Amino acid sequence: MLCDVHPVRRLSIKLVEDSKEEQMSLWWLSFADPNRPQGRQFLGAAIVRALDFVGAVSSAHALECNPGGEVKGLELPRDLEERIPKDYVGVLLSKEQCMKFDKIIGGSGEVRQWE
């Protein structure tokens, strides 16, 4: 898995993988570019496992699911983890996938951090 990855990213990914799983949480990150026209500022979202917000942003960068721009994030409640599709973790999610995710978690609106 790590053979085609830049050495710095490889180290970041290894640090994430080596962190104690039970101490880590899933984090919702929402990316936007405020310099884009209204209605086109959302760049995507990511769900990553990390110890804290800074670690989540670093993990998203290491996993190449951080498109840049400004980022907001929140720690997801542990009781949601079993409802999150595995293929939604560690990838950049589109607005449509975010809307589907909102339905999966019961439409709470807590994760709506896009336009």
Protein backbone atom coordinates (compact mmCIF):
# COMPACT_ATOMS: atom_id res chain seq x y z
CA MET A 1 0.00 0.00 0.00
CA LEU A 2 2.73 2.48 0.90
CA CYS A 3 5.21 1.71 -1.89
CA ASP A 4 3.98 4.45 -4.31
CA VAL A 5 3.52 7.11 -1.65
CA HIS A 6 5.89 10.06 -1.09
CA PRO A 7 8.20 9.38 1.92
CA VAL A 8 6.71 12.21 4.02
CA ARG A 9 3.18 10.97 3.37
CA ARG A 10 4.34 7.41 4.09
CA LEU A 11 5.60 8.52 7.51
CA SER A 12 2.34 10.40 8.21
CA ILE A 13 0.25 7.38 7.24
CA LYS A 14 2.42 5.11 9.41
CA LEU A 15 1.99 7.46 12.39
CA VAL A 16 -1.77 7.33 11.91
CA GLU A 17 -1.77 3.55 11.60
CA ASP A 18 0.47 3.17 14.67
CA SER A 19 -1.71 5.36 16.92
CA LYS A 20 -3.79 3.42 19.40
CA GLU A 21 -7.13 2.71 17.77
CA GLU A 22 -9.12 2.93 21.01
CA GLN A 23 -7.86 6.46 21.64
CA MET A 24 -8.78 7.67 18.18
CA SER A 25 -12.12 9.00 17.02
CA LEU A 26 -13.67 9.63 13.65
CA TRP A 27 -13.59 13.27 12.61
CA TRP A 28 -15.78 15.03 10.06
CA LEU A 29 -13.85 17.62 8.05
CA SER A 30 -15.52 20.06 5.67
CA PHE A 31 -13.41 21.98 3.15
CA ALA A 32 -14.35 25.27 1.47
CA ASP A 33 -12.78 28.05 -0.56
CA PRO A 34 -14.28 31.39 0.49
CA ASN A 35 -12.78 33.05 -2.60
CA ARG A 36 -15.01 31.07 -4.94
CA PRO A 37 -18.46 32.38 -5.92
CA GLN A 38 -21.34 31.80 -3.50
CA GLY A 39 -22.82 28.35 -4.08
CA ARG A 40 -19.49 26.96 -5.36
CA GLN A 41 -17.35 27.28 -2.24
CA PHE A 42 -17.72 23.71 -0.98
CA LEU A 43 -14.68 21.59 -1.94
CA GLY A 44 -15.67 18.34 -0.26
CA ALA A 45 -15.64 16.61 3.10
CA ALA A 46 -13.70 13.79 4.66
CA ILE A 47 -14.14 11.39 7.54
CA VAL A 48 -10.82 10.38 9.08
CA ARG A 49 -9.65 8.68 12.25
CA ALA A 50 -7.44 10.79 14.54
CA LEU A 51 -6.74 11.77 18.12
CA ASP A 52 -7.74 15.44 17.68
CA PHE A 53 -8.66 18.07 15.10
CA VAL A 54 -5.06 18.85 14.10
CA GLY A 55 -4.38 15.14 13.71
CA ALA A 56 -7.53 14.79 11.60
CA VAL A 57 -6.38 17.53 9.22
CA SER A 58 -2.93 15.91 9.03
CA SER A 59 -4.50 12.51 8.39
CA ALA A 60 -6.66 13.93 5.61
CA HIS A 61 -3.55 15.42 4.02
CA ALA A 62 -1.61 12.16 4.35
CA LEU A 63 -4.51 10.20 2.87
CA GLU A 64 -4.79 12.74 0.03
CA CYS A 65 -8.41 13.61 0.84
CA ASN A 66 -7.65 17.22 1.81
CA PRO A 67 -8.41 19.44 -1.22
CA GLY A 68 -7.08 22.56 0.50
CA GLY A 69 -8.99 25.69 1.37
CA GLU A 70 -10.42 26.41 4.80
CA VAL A 71 -11.39 23.49 7.00
CA LYS A 72 -13.93 23.05 9.77
CA GLY A 73 -14.30 19.85 11.69
CA LEU A 74 -16.01 18.04 14.48
CA GLU A 75 -15.48 14.82 16.34
CA LEU A 76 -18.20 12.33 15.48
CA PRO A 77 -19.97 10.57 18.36
CA ARG A 78 -18.74 6.99 18.81
CA ASP A 79 -22.27 5.61 18.50
CA LEU A 80 -22.31 6.75 14.84
CA GLU A 81 -19.23 4.77 13.86
CA GLU A 82 -21.07 1.52 13.15
CA ARG A 83 -23.44 3.33 10.74
CA ILE A 84 -20.69 4.97 8.68
CA PRO A 85 -19.93 3.04 5.48
CA LYS A 86 -16.29 1.92 5.43
CA ASP A 87 -15.85 3.35 1.94
CA TYR A 88 -16.70 6.83 3.31
CA VAL A 89 -13.64 6.87 5.59
CA GLY A 90 -10.36 8.28 4.31
CA VAL A 91 -11.67 9.64 1.01
CA LEU A 92 -12.87 13.01 -0.25
CA LEU A 93 -16.68 13.01 -0.21
CA SER A 94 -18.78 14.94 -2.70
CA LYS A 95 -21.74 17.11 -1.70
CA GLU A 96 -24.07 14.30 -2.82
CA GLN A 97 -22.22 11.78 -0.64
CA CYS A 98 -22.44 14.22 2.28
CA MET A 99 -26.20 14.46 1.85
CA LYS A 100 -26.43 10.66 1.76
CA PHE A 101 -24.27 10.49 4.90
CA ASP A 102 -26.66 12.89 6.64
CA LYS A 103 -29.52 10.48 5.91
CA ILE A 104 -27.46 7.50 7.13
CA ILE A 105 -26.90 9.13 10.49
CA GLY A 106 -30.52 10.10 10.89
CA GLY A 107 -30.59 13.56 9.39
CA SER A 108 -29.38 15.32 12.53
CA GLY A 109 -27.87 18.19 10.56
CA GLU A 110 -24.85 18.23 12.89
CA VAL A 111 -22.46 17.59 10.05
CA ARG A 112 -23.86 20.17 7.63
CA GLN A 113 -20.91 22.51 7.28
CA TRP A 114 -21.21 23.32 3.62
CA GLU A 115 -23.06 26.08 1.75
